[in-house]
Amino acid sequence: MPNDKATNPPAGECRQCWYHAYASRQAHAHLGPREDCPECVDHMVRGCPAHLMVPGKRRWF
């Protein structure tokens, strides 16, 4: 079960990227050793789609 931080990304962040970063074991459990995640590679190459972005302005502390 992913933790609360993994399922509640802050404003301006991609929901999928945030989940894959903070619940990495659950998100990548279907992959073999040293196998790239196709969803992560897609976001690295083409960027994050607008429908997965959390509304609001991104904050930098």
PDB file of N, CA and C in Angstrom:
ATOM      1  N   MET A   1       0.841  -1.180   0.000  1.00  0.00           N
ATOM      2  CA  MET A   1       0.000   0.000   0.000  1.00  0.00           C
ATOM      3  C   MET A   1       0.884   1.241   0.000  1.00  0.00           C
ATOM      4  N   PRO A   2       0.693   2.135  -0.972  1.00  0.00           N
ATOM      5  CA  PRO A   2       1.518   3.338  -1.039  1.00  0.00           C
ATOM      6  C   PRO A   2       1.211   4.283   0.120  1.00  0.00           C
ATOM      7  N   ASN A   3       2.219   5.047   0.482  1.00  0.00           N
ATOM      8  CA  ASN A   3       2.036   5.976   1.584  1.00  0.00           C
ATOM      9  C   ASN A   3       1.251   7.210   1.141  1.00  0.00           C
ATOM     10  N   ASP A   4       0.890   8.054   2.095  1.00  0.00           N
ATOM     11  CA  ASP A   4       0.074   9.236   1.837  1.00  0.00           C
ATOM     12  C   ASP A   4       0.803  10.232   0.935  1.00  0.00           C
ATOM     13  N   LYS A   5       2.112  10.356   1.096  1.00  0.00           N
ATOM     14  CA  LYS A   5       2.883  11.294   0.281  1.00  0.00           C
ATOM     15  C   LYS A   5       2.847  10.896  -1.188  1.00  0.00           C
ATOM     16  N   ALA A   6       2.868   9.617  -1.480  1.00  0.00           N
ATOM     17  CA  ALA A   6       2.884   9.131  -2.862  1.00  0.00           C
ATOM     18  C   ALA A   6       1.570   9.403  -3.579  1.00  0.00           C
ATOM     19  N   THR A   7       0.474   9.432  -2.855  1.00  0.00           N
ATOM     20  CA  THR A   7      -0.833   9.590  -3.483  1.00  0.00           C
ATOM     21  C   THR A   7      -1.358  11.019  -3.454  1.00  0.00           C
ATOM     22  N   ASN A   8      -0.609  11.951  -2.860  1.00  0.00           N
ATOM     23  CA  ASN A   8      -1.040  13.349  -2.780  1.00  0.00           C
ATOM     24  C   ASN A   8       0.062  14.286  -3.251  1.00  0.00           C
ATOM     25  N   PRO A   9       0.270  14.389  -4.565  1.00  0.00           N
ATOM     26  CA  PRO A   9       1.323  15.269  -5.063  1.00  0.00           C
ATOM     27  C   PRO A   9       0.958  16.742  -4.868  1.00  0.00           C
ATOM     28  N   PRO A  10       1.951  17.603  -4.715  1.00  0.00           N
ATOM     29  CA  PRO A  10       1.674  19.035  -4.571  1.00  0.00           C
ATOM     30  C   PRO A  10       1.277  19.661  -5.906  1.00  0.00           C
ATOM     31  N   ALA A  11       0.808  20.881  -5.852  1.00  0.00           N
ATOM     32  CA  ALA A  11       0.385  21.615  -7.047  1.00  0.00           C
ATOM     33  C   ALA A  11       1.530  21.723  -8.049  1.00  0.00           C
ATOM     34  N   GLY A  12       1.194  21.552  -9.312  1.00  0.00           N
ATOM     35  CA  GLY A  12       2.172  21.691 -10.376  1.00  0.00           C
ATOM     36  C   GLY A  12       2.982  20.447 -10.681  1.00  0.00           C
ATOM     37  N   GLU A  13       2.751  19.362  -9.981  1.00  0.00           N
ATOM     38  CA  GLU A  13       3.494  18.122 -10.204  1.00  0.00           C
ATOM     39  C   GLU A  13       2.637  17.115 -10.965  1.00  0.00           C
ATOM     40  N   CYS A  14       3.288  16.219 -11.659  1.00  0.00           N
ATOM     41  CA  CYS A  14       2.612  15.153 -12.394  1.00  0.00           C
ATOM     42  C   CYS A  14       2.239  14.039 -11.415  1.00  0.00           C
ATOM     43  N   ARG A  15       0.978  13.617 -11.449  1.00  0.00           N
ATOM     44  CA  ARG A  15       0.517  12.567 -10.525  1.00  0.00           C
ATOM     45  C   ARG A  15       1.275  11.249 -10.726  1.00  0.00           C
ATOM     46  N   GLN A  16       1.483  10.879 -11.983  1.00  0.00           N
ATOM     47  CA  GLN A  16       2.154   9.609 -12.258  1.00  0.00           C
ATOM     48  C   GLN A  16       3.621   9.655 -11.851  1.00  0.00           C
ATOM     49  N   CYS A  17       4.315  10.708 -12.206  1.00  0.00           N
ATOM     50  CA  CYS A  17       5.735  10.815 -11.857  1.00  0.00           C
ATOM     51  C   CYS A  17       5.915  10.838 -10.342  1.00  0.00           C
ATOM     52  N   TRP A  18       5.032  11.569  -9.664  1.00  0.00           N
ATOM     53  CA  TRP A  18       5.107  11.654  -8.202  1.00  0.00           C
ATOM     54  C   TRP A  18       4.886  10.284  -7.580  1.00  0.00           C
ATOM     55  N   TYR A  19       3.879   9.556  -8.063  1.00  0.00           N
ATOM     56  CA  TYR A  19       3.592   8.225  -7.532  1.00  0.00           C
ATOM     57  C   TYR A  19       4.752   7.272  -7.797  1.00  0.00           C
ATOM     58  N   HIS A  20       5.285   7.288  -9.001  1.00  0.00           N
ATOM     59  CA  HIS A  20       6.388   6.396  -9.353  1.00  0.00           C
ATOM     60  C   HIS A  20       7.655   6.728  -8.568  1.00  0.00           C
ATOM     61  N   ALA A  21       7.816   7.977  -8.139  1.00  0.00           N
ATOM     62  CA  ALA A  21       8.984   8.359  -7.353  1.00  0.00           C
ATOM     63  C   ALA A  21       8.832   7.972  -5.879  1.00  0.00           C
ATOM     64  N   TYR A  22       7.645   8.168  -5.314  1.00  0.00           N
ATOM     65  CA  TYR A  22       7.464   7.956  -3.872  1.00  0.00           C
ATOM     66  C   TYR A  22       6.862   6.607  -3.505  1.00  0.00           C
ATOM     67  N   ALA A  23       6.364   5.852  -4.464  1.00  0.00           N
ATOM     68  CA  ALA A  23       5.889   4.488  -4.219  1.00  0.00           C
ATOM     69  C   ALA A  23       6.538   3.587  -5.260  1.00  0.00           C
ATOM     70  N   SER A  24       7.827   3.715  -5.391  1.00  0.00           N
ATOM     71  CA  SER A  24       8.570   3.058  -6.454  1.00  0.00           C
ATOM     72  C   SER A  24       8.416   1.541  -6.449  1.00  0.00           C
ATOM     73  N   ARG A  25       8.445   0.927  -5.298  1.00  0.00           N
ATOM     74  CA  ARG A  25       8.333  -0.537  -5.245  1.00  0.00           C
ATOM     75  C   ARG A  25       6.981  -1.020  -5.753  1.00  0.00           C
ATOM     76  N   GLN A  26       5.909  -0.336  -5.357  1.00  0.00           N
ATOM     77  CA  GLN A  26       4.578  -0.735  -5.813  1.00  0.00           C
ATOM     78  C   GLN A  26       4.393  -0.419  -7.298  1.00  0.00           C
ATOM     79  N   ALA A  27       4.862   0.723  -7.745  1.00  0.00           N
ATOM     80  CA  ALA A  27       4.665   1.144  -9.126  1.00  0.00           C
ATOM     81  C   ALA A  27       5.480   0.308 -10.107  1.00  0.00           C
ATOM     82  N   HIS A  28       6.616  -0.192  -9.658  1.00  0.00           N
ATOM     83  CA  HIS A  28       7.509  -0.917 -10.557  1.00  0.00           C
ATOM     84  C   HIS A  28       7.622  -2.404 -10.224  1.00  0.00           C
ATOM     85  N   ALA A  29       6.666  -2.934  -9.472  1.00  0.00           N
ATOM     86  CA  ALA A  29       6.710  -4.340  -9.061  1.00  0.00           C
ATOM     87  C   ALA A  29       6.609  -5.298 -10.248  1.00  0.00           C
ATOM     88  N   HIS A  30       5.973  -4.885 -11.321  1.00  0.00           N
ATOM     89  CA  HIS A  30       5.792  -5.759 -12.485  1.00  0.00           C
ATOM     90  C   HIS A  30       7.034  -5.863 -13.363  1.00  0.00           C
ATOM     91  N   LEU A  31       8.039  -5.061 -13.076  1.00  0.00           N
ATOM     92  CA  LEU A  31       9.249  -5.041 -13.906  1.00  0.00           C
ATOM     93  C   LEU A  31      10.275  -6.056 -13.424  1.00  0.00           C
ATOM     94  N   GLY A  32      11.056  -6.528 -14.355  1.00  0.00           N
ATOM     95  CA  GLY A  32      12.149  -7.427 -14.022  1.00  0.00           C
ATOM     96  C   GLY A  32      13.370  -6.639 -13.557  1.00  0.00           C
ATOM     97  N   PRO A  33      14.405  -7.341 -13.116  1.00  0.00           N
ATOM     98  CA  PRO A  33      15.618  -6.660 -12.697  1.00  0.00           C
ATOM     99  C   PRO A  33      16.218  -5.846 -13.848  1.00  0.00           C
ATOM    100  N   ARG A  34      16.606  -4.613 -13.548  1.00  0.00           N
ATOM    101  CA  ARG A  34      17.256  -3.699 -14.497  1.00  0.00           C
ATOM    102  C   ARG A  34      16.400  -3.397 -15.724  1.00  0.00           C
ATOM    103  N   GLU A  35      15.079  -3.543 -15.599  1.00  0.00           N
ATOM    104  CA  GLU A  35      14.159  -3.250 -16.699  1.00  0.00           C
ATOM    105  C   GLU A  35      13.597  -1.841 -16.505  1.00  0.00           C
ATOM    106  N   ASP A  36      13.583  -1.053 -17.585  1.00  0.00           N
ATOM    107  CA  ASP A  36      13.050   0.306 -17.524  1.00  0.00           C
ATOM    108  C   ASP A  36      11.533   0.293 -17.516  1.00  0.00           C
ATOM    109  N   CYS A  37      10.965   1.222 -16.773  1.00  0.00           N
ATOM    110  CA  CYS A  37       9.517   1.384 -16.716  1.00  0.00           C
ATOM    111  C   CYS A  37       9.070   2.138 -17.975  1.00  0.00           C
ATOM    112  N   PRO A  38       8.209   1.552 -18.800  1.00  0.00           N
ATOM    113  CA  PRO A  38       7.789   2.220 -20.029  1.00  0.00           C
ATOM    114  C   PRO A  38       7.071   3.548 -19.777  1.00  0.00           C
ATOM    115  N   GLU A  39       6.284   3.624 -18.707  1.00  0.00           N
ATOM    116  CA  GLU A  39       5.582   4.865 -18.400  1.00  0.00           C
ATOM    117  C   GLU A  39       6.567   5.968 -18.011  1.00  0.00           C
ATOM    118  N   CYS A  40       7.569   5.638 -17.225  1.00  0.00           N
ATOM    119  CA  CYS A  40       8.576   6.622 -16.813  1.00  0.00           C
ATOM    120  C   CYS A  40       9.401   7.093 -18.016  1.00  0.00           C
ATOM    121  N   VAL A  41       9.777   6.158 -18.879  1.00  0.00           N
ATOM    122  CA  VAL A  41      10.548   6.512 -20.071  1.00  0.00           C
ATOM    123  C   VAL A  41       9.720   7.422 -20.972  1.00  0.00           C
ATOM    124  N   ASP A  42       8.439   7.135 -21.130  1.00  0.00           N
ATOM    125  CA  ASP A  42       7.562   7.965 -21.942  1.00  0.00           C
ATOM    126  C   ASP A  42       7.510   9.397 -21.408  1.00  0.00           C
ATOM    127  N   HIS A  43       7.408   9.552 -20.103  1.00  0.00           N
ATOM    128  CA  HIS A  43       7.366  10.892 -19.512  1.00  0.00           C
ATOM    129  C   HIS A  43       8.713  11.601 -19.624  1.00  0.00           C
ATOM    130  N   MET A  44       9.803  10.863 -19.567  1.00  0.00           N
ATOM    131  CA  MET A  44      11.124  11.487 -19.725  1.00  0.00           C
ATOM    132  C   MET A  44      11.336  11.970 -21.158  1.00  0.00           C
ATOM    133  N   VAL A  45      10.816  11.225 -22.126  1.00  0.00           N
ATOM    134  CA  VAL A  45      11.033  11.572 -23.527  1.00  0.00           C
ATOM    135  C   VAL A  45      10.036  12.631 -24.006  1.00  0.00           C
ATOM    136  N   ARG A  46       8.755  12.393 -23.747  1.00  0.00           N
ATOM    137  CA  ARG A  46       7.715  13.281 -24.287  1.00  0.00           C
ATOM    138  C   ARG A  46       7.183  14.291 -23.283  1.00  0.00           C
ATOM    139  N   GLY A  47       7.558  14.194 -22.022  1.00  0.00           N
ATOM    140  CA  GLY A  47       7.051  15.101 -21.006  1.00  0.00           C
ATOM    141  C   GLY A  47       5.756  14.585 -20.400  1.00  0.00           C
ATOM    142  N   CYS A  48       5.287  15.278 -19.425  1.00  0.00           N
ATOM    143  CA  CYS A  48       4.077  14.874 -18.713  1.00  0.00           C
ATOM    144  C   CYS A  48       2.847  15.459 -19.396  1.00  0.00           C
ATOM    145  N   PRO A  49       1.809  14.647 -19.635  1.00  0.00           N
ATOM    146  CA  PRO A  49       0.590  15.160 -20.252  1.00  0.00           C
ATOM    147  C   PRO A  49      -0.176  16.074 -19.291  1.00  0.00           C
ATOM    148  N   ALA A  50      -0.869  17.027 -19.850  1.00  0.00           N
ATOM    149  CA  ALA A  50      -1.578  18.032 -19.054  1.00  0.00           C
ATOM    150  C   ALA A  50      -2.629  17.422 -18.129  1.00  0.00           C
ATOM    151  N   HIS A  51      -3.281  16.332 -18.551  1.00  0.00           N
ATOM    152  CA  HIS A  51      -4.349  15.756 -17.730  1.00  0.00           C
ATOM    153  C   HIS A  51      -3.821  15.071 -16.463  1.00  0.00           C
ATOM    154  N   LEU A  52      -2.524  14.845 -16.364  1.00  0.00           N
ATOM    155  CA  LEU A  52      -1.952  14.242 -15.162  1.00  0.00           C
ATOM    156  C   LEU A  52      -1.341  15.272 -14.208  1.00  0.00           C
ATOM    157  N   MET A  53      -1.321  16.537 -14.621  1.00  0.00           N
ATOM    158  CA  MET A  53      -0.733  17.579 -13.783  1.00  0.00           C
ATOM    159  C   MET A  53      -1.738  18.025 -12.725  1.00  0.00           C
ATOM    160  N   VAL A  54      -1.253  18.232 -11.495  1.00  0.00           N
ATOM    161  CA  VAL A  54      -2.094  18.744 -10.420  1.00  0.00           C
ATOM    162  C   VAL A  54      -2.268  20.243 -10.649  1.00  0.00           C
ATOM    163  N   PRO A  55      -3.509  20.738 -10.643  1.00  0.00           N
ATOM    164  CA  PRO A  55      -3.726  22.163 -10.885  1.00  0.00           C
ATOM    165  C   PRO A  55      -3.038  23.020  -9.822  1.00  0.00           C
ATOM    166  N   GLY A  56      -2.606  24.183 -10.253  1.00  0.00           N
ATOM    167  CA  GLY A  56      -1.971  25.129  -9.345  1.00  0.00           C
ATOM    168  C   GLY A  56      -0.549  25.422  -9.763  1.00  0.00           C
ATOM    169  N   LYS A  57       0.015  26.434  -9.145  1.00  0.00           N
ATOM    170  CA  LYS A  57       1.365  26.843  -9.468  1.00  0.00           C
ATOM    171  C   LYS A  57       2.376  26.030  -8.661  1.00  0.00           C
ATOM    172  N   ARG A  58       3.419  25.613  -9.333  1.00  0.00           N
ATOM    173  CA  ARG A  58       4.491  24.835  -8.691  1.00  0.00           C
ATOM    174  C   ARG A  58       5.247  25.732  -7.720  1.00  0.00           C
ATOM    175  N   ARG A  59       5.511  25.221  -6.545  1.00  0.00           N
ATOM    176  CA  ARG A  59       6.209  26.002  -5.513  1.00  0.00           C
ATOM    177  C   ARG A  59       7.628  25.502  -5.338  1.00  0.00           C
ATOM    178  N   TRP A  60       8.569  26.395  -5.227  1.00  0.00           N
ATOM    179  CA  TRP A  60       9.956  26.077  -4.912  1.00  0.00           C
ATOM    180  C   TRP A  60      10.297  26.721  -3.588  1.00  0.00           C
ATOM    181  N   PHE A  61      10.838  25.958  -2.686  1.00  0.00           N
ATOM    182  CA  PHE A  61      11.105  26.469  -1.347  1.00  0.00           C
ATOM    183  C   PHE A  61      12.490  26.980  -1.250  1.00  0.00           C
TER     184      PHE A  61
END
